[in-house]
Amino acid sequence: MLRVDITKQLGDFALEATFTSEGRVTGLFGASGAGKTTLVNIIAGLLRPDRGTIALDDTVLDDTAGGVHVPPHRRRIGYVFQDARLFPHMNVVENLDYGRRMNRLPDDPVQQKRVTELLDIGHLLDRRPGKLSGGERQRVALGRALLSKPRLLLLDEPLGSLDEGRKVEILPYLVRLRDEANVPMVYVSHDPAELRQLATQIVMLRDGRITALGGVKVLTGTMA
């Protein structure tokens, strides 16, 4: 369960968000500038809230009143950005292993095999990122995040930089993650069609405020 009750001021922009999610995929929906990325950066620990609390299951990650702020590397939260951010000097298997090593986790060949099969990237292991398509790079980024054994996965518009063909290619893998990986996700998008396919709960943001919260039915009337 993810519980969020925070406020954050960034220049002239004010974010105020309160919600609880027990869904497998919480979709953060809103136009550019609504506050989606700011919110996921706060959940990730990259930004501190000005006021409030964030808790994941029984672990308090932020509590401004109590002076609690768990640093990002101790939150066990995987983060997949719009651009895959793979290391160009490493091949795929080295990129996949980076999260595990940074979190000082023991080698787990069974988990690595499961993740590479889940994302269909086993045939890419010897390649460098420059030899991968955009969709392949995003699948490797997803694999790297999963192999760090996160308690929560944050995906910030992971299809945003892909053309329509690549989006169609990678969406089934995201659905498979939702159904098989057993890791709750927060999925950021301004595309209601993506969220209708993936999300189990929607948090709708506009101008830094939550305007709707519920199932995918709250997207009724939005374009696409």
C-alpha atoms as a PDB file:
ATOM      1  CA  MET A   1       0.000   0.000   0.000  1.00  0.00           C
ATOM      2  CA  LEU A   2       1.244   3.469  -0.927  1.00  0.00           C
ATOM      3  CA  ARG A   3       0.057   6.395   1.190  1.00  0.00           C
ATOM      4  CA  VAL A   4       0.792   9.965   0.117  1.00  0.00           C
ATOM      5  CA  ASP A   5      -0.176  13.195   1.897  1.00  0.00           C
ATOM      6  CA  ILE A   6       2.206  15.982   0.897  1.00  0.00           C
ATOM      7  CA  THR A   7       2.614  19.570  -0.237  1.00  0.00           C
ATOM      8  CA  LYS A   8       5.528  21.020  -2.207  1.00  0.00           C
ATOM      9  CA  GLN A   9       6.239  24.528  -3.484  1.00  0.00           C
ATOM     10  CA  LEU A  10       8.591  24.911  -6.465  1.00  0.00           C
ATOM     11  CA  GLY A  11       8.801  28.550  -7.512  1.00  0.00           C
ATOM     12  CA  ASP A  12       5.298  29.594  -8.537  1.00  0.00           C
ATOM     13  CA  PHE A  13       4.094  25.982  -8.737  1.00  0.00           C
ATOM     14  CA  ALA A  14       2.385  24.385  -5.739  1.00  0.00           C
ATOM     15  CA  LEU A  15       1.707  20.647  -5.477  1.00  0.00           C
ATOM     16  CA  GLU A  16      -0.821  19.286  -2.992  1.00  0.00           C
ATOM     17  CA  ALA A  17      -1.537  15.547  -3.168  1.00  0.00           C
ATOM     18  CA  THR A  18      -3.293  13.136  -0.834  1.00  0.00           C
ATOM     19  CA  PHE A  19      -4.191   9.584  -1.841  1.00  0.00           C
ATOM     20  CA  THR A  20      -3.870   5.945  -0.847  1.00  0.00           C
ATOM     21  CA  SER A  21      -3.319   3.211  -3.401  1.00  0.00           C
ATOM     22  CA  GLU A  22      -3.525  -0.554  -3.053  1.00  0.00           C
ATOM     23  CA  GLY A  23      -3.721  -1.159  -6.798  1.00  0.00           C
ATOM     24  CA  ARG A  24      -1.186  -3.039  -8.892  1.00  0.00           C
ATOM     25  CA  VAL A  25      -0.750  -0.035 -11.194  1.00  0.00           C
ATOM     26  CA  THR A  26      -1.549   3.482 -10.018  1.00  0.00           C
ATOM     27  CA  GLY A  27      -1.828   5.750 -13.043  1.00  0.00           C
ATOM     28  CA  LEU A  28      -0.867   9.399 -12.554  1.00  0.00           C
ATOM     29  CA  PHE A  29      -2.730  11.197 -15.315  1.00  0.00           C
ATOM     30  CA  GLY A  30      -2.601  14.834 -16.330  1.00  0.00           C
ATOM     31  CA  ALA A  31      -1.348  17.326 -18.864  1.00  0.00           C
ATOM     32  CA  SER A  32       2.251  18.510 -18.981  1.00  0.00           C
ATOM     33  CA  GLY A  33       2.918  20.731 -15.990  1.00  0.00           C
ATOM     34  CA  ALA A  34       0.218  19.126 -13.836  1.00  0.00           C
ATOM     35  CA  GLY A  35       2.763  17.937 -11.266  1.00  0.00           C
ATOM     36  CA  LYS A  36       3.107  14.261 -12.172  1.00  0.00           C
ATOM     37  CA  THR A  37       6.909  14.121 -12.348  1.00  0.00           C
ATOM     38  CA  THR A  38       7.285  16.285  -9.248  1.00  0.00           C
ATOM     39  CA  LEU A  39       5.083  13.845  -7.364  1.00  0.00           C
ATOM     40  CA  VAL A  40       7.000  10.741  -8.460  1.00  0.00           C
ATOM     41  CA  ASN A  41      10.304  12.467  -7.654  1.00  0.00           C
ATOM     42  CA  ILE A  42       9.005  13.053  -4.129  1.00  0.00           C
ATOM     43  CA  ILE A  43       7.913   9.411  -3.832  1.00  0.00           C
ATOM     44  CA  ALA A  44      11.377   8.374  -5.061  1.00  0.00           C
ATOM     45  CA  GLY A  45      13.040  10.596  -2.464  1.00  0.00           C
ATOM     46  CA  LEU A  46      14.708  12.846  -5.054  1.00  0.00           C
ATOM     47  CA  LEU A  47      12.706  15.792  -3.703  1.00  0.00           C
ATOM     48  CA  ARG A  48      11.623  16.364  -0.123  1.00  0.00           C
ATOM     49  CA  PRO A  49       8.047  17.406   0.591  1.00  0.00           C
ATOM     50  CA  ASP A  50       7.587  20.719   2.379  1.00  0.00           C
ATOM     51  CA  ARG A  51       4.926  19.126   4.545  1.00  0.00           C
ATOM     52  CA  GLY A  52       3.432  15.709   5.014  1.00  0.00           C
ATOM     53  CA  THR A  53       4.088  11.993   4.901  1.00  0.00           C
ATOM     54  CA  ILE A  54       4.781   9.200   2.444  1.00  0.00           C
ATOM     55  CA  ALA A  55       4.575   5.553   3.520  1.00  0.00           C
ATOM     56  CA  LEU A  56       5.022   2.301   1.623  1.00  0.00           C
ATOM     57  CA  ASP A  57       3.357  -0.593   3.413  1.00  0.00           C
ATOM     58  CA  ASP A  58       4.624  -0.311   7.009  1.00  0.00           C
ATOM     59  CA  THR A  59       7.671   1.824   6.155  1.00  0.00           C
ATOM     60  CA  VAL A  60       7.509   5.595   6.604  1.00  0.00           C
ATOM     61  CA  LEU A  61       9.631   7.171   3.873  1.00  0.00           C
ATOM     62  CA  ASP A  62       8.923  10.821   4.665  1.00  0.00           C
ATOM     63  CA  ASP A  63       7.438  12.464   7.735  1.00  0.00           C
ATOM     64  CA  THR A  64       8.224  16.144   7.915  1.00  0.00           C
ATOM     65  CA  ALA A  65       6.775  16.502  11.417  1.00  0.00           C
ATOM     66  CA  GLY A  66       8.957  13.661  12.684  1.00  0.00           C
ATOM     67  CA  GLY A  67      12.054  14.660  10.737  1.00  0.00           C
ATOM     68  CA  VAL A  68      12.035  11.429   8.693  1.00  0.00           C
ATOM     69  CA  HIS A  69      13.469  11.351   5.170  1.00  0.00           C
ATOM     70  CA  VAL A  70      14.713   8.008   3.862  1.00  0.00           C
ATOM     71  CA  PRO A  71      17.312   8.685   1.119  1.00  0.00           C
ATOM     72  CA  PRO A  72      16.544   7.397  -2.394  1.00  0.00           C
ATOM     73  CA  HIS A  73      19.078   4.557  -2.339  1.00  0.00           C
ATOM     74  CA  ARG A  74      17.486   3.100   0.793  1.00  0.00           C
ATOM     75  CA  ARG A  75      13.868   3.217  -0.379  1.00  0.00           C
ATOM     76  CA  ARG A  76      14.020   0.108  -2.584  1.00  0.00           C
ATOM     77  CA  ILE A  77      12.088   1.942  -5.278  1.00  0.00           C
ATOM     78  CA  GLY A  78      12.880   1.323  -8.944  1.00  0.00           C
ATOM     79  CA  TYR A  79      12.643   4.302 -11.294  1.00  0.00           C
ATOM     80  CA  VAL A  80      12.300   4.042 -15.086  1.00  0.00           C
ATOM     81  CA  PHE A  81      12.547   7.359 -16.920  1.00  0.00           C
ATOM     82  CA  GLN A  82      11.216   8.447 -20.303  1.00  0.00           C
ATOM     83  CA  ASP A  83      14.717   8.032 -21.725  1.00  0.00           C
ATOM     84  CA  ALA A  84      16.096   4.664 -20.654  1.00  0.00           C
ATOM     85  CA  ARG A  85      19.340   6.126 -19.220  1.00  0.00           C
ATOM     86  CA  LEU A  86      21.378   3.023 -19.868  1.00  0.00           C
ATOM     87  CA  PHE A  87      25.153   3.215 -19.545  1.00  0.00           C
ATOM     88  CA  PRO A  88      26.506   3.344 -23.113  1.00  0.00           C
ATOM     89  CA  HIS A  89      29.867   1.757 -22.203  1.00  0.00           C
ATOM     90  CA  MET A  90      28.165  -1.315 -20.692  1.00  0.00           C
ATOM     91  CA  ASN A  91      26.474  -4.131 -22.560  1.00  0.00           C
ATOM     92  CA  VAL A  92      22.925  -5.184 -21.711  1.00  0.00           C
ATOM     93  CA  VAL A  93      23.874  -7.804 -19.119  1.00  0.00           C
ATOM     94  CA  GLU A  94      26.114  -5.274 -17.333  1.00  0.00           C
ATOM     95  CA  ASN A  95      23.353  -2.665 -17.380  1.00  0.00           C
ATOM     96  CA  LEU A  96      20.883  -5.214 -16.017  1.00  0.00           C
ATOM     97  CA  ASP A  97      23.250  -6.099 -13.191  1.00  0.00           C
ATOM     98  CA  TYR A  98      23.929  -2.494 -12.188  1.00  0.00           C
ATOM     99  CA  GLY A  99      20.912  -2.086  -9.894  1.00  0.00           C
ATOM    100  CA  ARG A 100      21.626  -5.336  -8.090  1.00  0.00           C
ATOM    101  CA  ARG A 101      25.247  -4.386  -7.482  1.00  0.00           C
ATOM    102  CA  MET A 102      24.430  -0.839  -6.352  1.00  0.00           C
ATOM    103  CA  ASN A 103      21.957  -2.272  -3.835  1.00  0.00           C
ATOM    104  CA  ARG A 104      24.532  -4.862  -2.734  1.00  0.00           C
ATOM    105  CA  LEU A 105      22.169  -7.730  -3.442  1.00  0.00           C
ATOM    106  CA  PRO A 106      23.480 -11.267  -3.906  1.00  0.00           C
ATOM    107  CA  ASP A 107      23.688 -12.652  -7.428  1.00  0.00           C
ATOM    108  CA  ASP A 108      20.407 -14.342  -8.364  1.00  0.00           C
ATOM    109  CA  PRO A 109      20.663 -16.189 -11.698  1.00  0.00           C
ATOM    110  CA  VAL A 110      17.113 -17.543 -11.343  1.00  0.00           C
ATOM    111  CA  GLN A 111      15.661 -14.035 -11.003  1.00  0.00           C
ATOM    112  CA  GLN A 112      17.793 -12.744 -13.864  1.00  0.00           C
ATOM    113  CA  LYS A 113      16.568 -15.543 -16.126  1.00  0.00           C
ATOM    114  CA  ARG A 114      12.964 -14.881 -15.099  1.00  0.00           C
ATOM    115  CA  VAL A 115      13.233 -11.146 -15.820  1.00  0.00           C
ATOM    116  CA  THR A 116      15.016 -11.577 -19.154  1.00  0.00           C
ATOM    117  CA  GLU A 117      12.349 -14.063 -20.250  1.00  0.00           C
ATOM    118  CA  LEU A 118       9.537 -11.843 -18.976  1.00  0.00           C
ATOM    119  CA  LEU A 119      10.829  -8.925 -21.063  1.00  0.00           C
ATOM    120  CA  ASP A 120      12.152 -11.038 -23.967  1.00  0.00           C
ATOM    121  CA  ILE A 121      15.647  -9.530 -23.826  1.00  0.00           C
ATOM    122  CA  GLY A 122      17.749 -12.693 -23.515  1.00  0.00           C
ATOM    123  CA  HIS A 123      18.987 -12.347 -27.116  1.00  0.00           C
ATOM    124  CA  LEU A 124      20.214  -8.797 -26.438  1.00  0.00           C
ATOM    125  CA  LEU A 125      22.583  -9.485 -23.539  1.00  0.00           C
ATOM    126  CA  ASP A 126      25.850  -8.930 -25.440  1.00  0.00           C
ATOM    127  CA  ARG A 127      24.751  -5.721 -27.178  1.00  0.00           C
ATOM    128  CA  ARG A 128      25.568  -2.146 -26.200  1.00  0.00           C
ATOM    129  CA  PRO A 129      22.674   0.343 -25.836  1.00  0.00           C
ATOM    130  CA  GLY A 130      23.665   2.075 -29.086  1.00  0.00           C
ATOM    131  CA  LYS A 131      22.747  -1.113 -30.955  1.00  0.00           C
ATOM    132  CA  LEU A 132      19.248  -1.326 -29.454  1.00  0.00           C
ATOM    133  CA  SER A 133      15.942   0.130 -30.633  1.00  0.00           C
ATOM    134  CA  GLY A 134      14.080   2.556 -28.389  1.00  0.00           C
ATOM    135  CA  GLY A 135      11.672  -0.165 -27.302  1.00  0.00           C
ATOM    136  CA  GLU A 136      14.528  -2.562 -26.545  1.00  0.00           C
ATOM    137  CA  ARG A 137      16.290   0.070 -24.448  1.00  0.00           C
ATOM    138  CA  GLN A 138      13.146   0.634 -22.399  1.00  0.00           C
ATOM    139  CA  ARG A 139      12.731  -3.102 -21.828  1.00  0.00           C
ATOM    140  CA  VAL A 140      16.319  -3.288 -20.581  1.00  0.00           C
ATOM    141  CA  ALA A 141      15.680  -0.302 -18.294  1.00  0.00           C
ATOM    142  CA  LEU A 142      12.639  -2.115 -16.908  1.00  0.00           C
ATOM    143  CA  GLY A 143      14.732  -5.226 -16.361  1.00  0.00           C
ATOM    144  CA  ARG A 144      17.440  -3.269 -14.551  1.00  0.00           C
ATOM    145  CA  ALA A 145      14.844  -1.764 -12.228  1.00  0.00           C
ATOM    146  CA  LEU A 146      13.229  -5.144 -11.531  1.00  0.00           C
ATOM    147  CA  LEU A 147      16.558  -6.829 -10.772  1.00  0.00           C
ATOM    148  CA  SER A 148      17.155  -4.320  -7.978  1.00  0.00           C
ATOM    149  CA  LYS A 149      14.202  -6.121  -6.290  1.00  0.00           C
ATOM    150  CA  PRO A 150      12.143  -2.970  -5.679  1.00  0.00           C
ATOM    151  CA  ARG A 151       9.139  -2.741  -3.393  1.00  0.00           C
ATOM    152  CA  LEU A 152       7.646  -0.200  -5.812  1.00  0.00           C
ATOM    153  CA  LEU A 153       8.332   0.644  -9.454  1.00  0.00           C
ATOM    154  CA  LEU A 154       7.979   4.220 -10.732  1.00  0.00           C
ATOM    155  CA  LEU A 155       7.575   4.659 -14.493  1.00  0.00           C
ATOM    156  CA  ASP A 156       7.681   8.276 -15.672  1.00  0.00           C
ATOM    157  CA  GLU A 157       6.164   8.318 -19.167  1.00  0.00           C
ATOM    158  CA  PRO A 158       8.289   5.343 -20.291  1.00  0.00           C
ATOM    159  CA  LEU A 159       6.657   5.371 -23.742  1.00  0.00           C
ATOM    160  CA  GLY A 160       6.822   9.142 -24.166  1.00  0.00           C
ATOM    161  CA  SER A 161       9.896   9.170 -26.409  1.00  0.00           C
ATOM    162  CA  LEU A 162       8.776   6.238 -28.592  1.00  0.00           C
ATOM    163  CA  ASP A 163       6.926   6.329 -31.884  1.00  0.00           C
ATOM    164  CA  GLU A 164       3.562   4.602 -32.208  1.00  0.00           C
ATOM    165  CA  GLY A 165       5.070   1.382 -33.515  1.00  0.00           C
ATOM    166  CA  ARG A 166       7.453   1.095 -30.565  1.00  0.00           C
ATOM    167  CA  LYS A 167       4.634   1.882 -28.128  1.00  0.00           C
ATOM    168  CA  VAL A 168       2.574  -0.980 -29.557  1.00  0.00           C
ATOM    169  CA  GLU A 169       5.651  -3.197 -29.219  1.00  0.00           C
ATOM    170  CA  ILE A 170       6.330  -2.469 -25.542  1.00  0.00           C
ATOM    171  CA  LEU A 171       2.788  -2.173 -24.121  1.00  0.00           C
ATOM    172  CA  PRO A 172       2.295  -5.963 -23.923  1.00  0.00           C
ATOM    173  CA  TYR A 173       5.450  -6.221 -21.810  1.00  0.00           C
ATOM    174  CA  LEU A 174       4.106  -3.602 -19.406  1.00  0.00           C
ATOM    175  CA  VAL A 175       0.841  -5.535 -19.130  1.00  0.00           C
ATOM    176  CA  ARG A 176       2.868  -8.677 -18.449  1.00  0.00           C
ATOM    177  CA  LEU A 177       4.806  -6.855 -15.723  1.00  0.00           C
ATOM    178  CA  ARG A 178       1.542  -5.822 -14.122  1.00  0.00           C
ATOM    179  CA  ASP A 179       0.178  -9.355 -14.179  1.00  0.00           C
ATOM    180  CA  GLU A 180       3.292 -11.417 -13.447  1.00  0.00           C
ATOM    181  CA  ALA A 181       6.042  -9.382 -11.758  1.00  0.00           C
ATOM    182  CA  ASN A 182       4.185  -8.893  -8.469  1.00  0.00           C
ATOM    183  CA  VAL A 183       5.652  -5.404  -7.987  1.00  0.00           C
ATOM    184  CA  PRO A 184       3.235  -2.473  -7.536  1.00  0.00           C
ATOM    185  CA  MET A 185       3.756   0.341 -10.021  1.00  0.00           C
ATOM    186  CA  VAL A 186       3.099   4.056 -10.281  1.00  0.00           C
ATOM    187  CA  TYR A 187       2.749   4.834 -13.982  1.00  0.00           C
ATOM    188  CA  VAL A 188       2.912   8.442 -15.186  1.00  0.00           C
ATOM    189  CA  SER A 189       1.218   9.346 -18.451  1.00  0.00           C
ATOM    190  CA  HIS A 190      -0.779  12.021 -20.231  1.00  0.00           C
ATOM    191  CA  ASP A 191      -2.167   9.347 -22.593  1.00  0.00           C
ATOM    192  CA  PRO A 192      -5.510   7.955 -21.377  1.00  0.00           C
ATOM    193  CA  ALA A 193      -5.316   5.056 -23.859  1.00  0.00           C
ATOM    194  CA  GLU A 194      -2.151   3.750 -22.157  1.00  0.00           C
ATOM    195  CA  LEU A 195      -3.697   4.023 -18.726  1.00  0.00           C
ATOM    196  CA  ARG A 196      -6.907   2.291 -19.783  1.00  0.00           C
ATOM    197  CA  GLN A 197      -4.800  -0.722 -20.757  1.00  0.00           C
ATOM    198  CA  LEU A 198      -2.482  -0.725 -17.761  1.00  0.00           C
ATOM    199  CA  ALA A 199      -3.814   1.037 -14.695  1.00  0.00           C
ATOM    200  CA  THR A 200      -5.957  -0.416 -11.924  1.00  0.00           C
ATOM    201  CA  GLN A 201      -6.357   2.951 -10.174  1.00  0.00           C
ATOM    202  CA  ILE A 202      -6.171   6.521 -11.483  1.00  0.00           C
ATOM    203  CA  VAL A 203      -4.955   9.669  -9.745  1.00  0.00           C
ATOM    204  CA  MET A 204      -5.852  12.634 -11.958  1.00  0.00           C
ATOM    205  CA  LEU A 205      -3.781  15.799 -11.510  1.00  0.00           C
ATOM    206  CA  ARG A 206      -4.400  19.315 -12.742  1.00  0.00           C
ATOM    207  CA  ASP A 207      -2.353  22.361 -11.807  1.00  0.00           C
ATOM    208  CA  GLY A 208      -0.820  20.584  -8.823  1.00  0.00           C
ATOM    209  CA  ARG A 209      -4.116  19.332  -7.371  1.00  0.00           C
ATOM    210  CA  ILE A 210      -5.845  15.947  -7.463  1.00  0.00           C
ATOM    211  CA  THR A 211      -9.118  16.402  -9.324  1.00  0.00           C
ATOM    212  CA  ALA A 212     -10.254  12.760  -9.485  1.00  0.00           C
ATOM    213  CA  LEU A 213      -9.339   9.459  -7.871  1.00  0.00           C
ATOM    214  CA  GLY A 214     -10.691   6.001  -8.629  1.00  0.00           C
ATOM    215  CA  GLY A 215     -10.794   3.278 -11.256  1.00  0.00           C
ATOM    216  CA  VAL A 216     -10.098   3.787 -14.939  1.00  0.00           C
ATOM    217  CA  LYS A 217     -13.666   5.033 -15.344  1.00  0.00           C
ATOM    218  CA  VAL A 218     -12.473   8.450 -14.141  1.00  0.00           C
ATOM    219  CA  LEU A 219     -10.787   8.759 -17.557  1.00  0.00           C
ATOM    220  CA  THR A 220     -14.194   8.784 -19.265  1.00  0.00           C
ATOM    221  CA  GLY A 221     -14.439  11.797 -21.499  1.00  0.00           C
ATOM    222  CA  THR A 222     -10.673  12.284 -21.894  1.00  0.00           C
ATOM    223  CA  MET A 223      -9.225  12.233 -25.380  1.00  0.00           C
ATOM    224  CA  ALA A 224      -7.458   9.268 -27.090  1.00  0.00           C
END
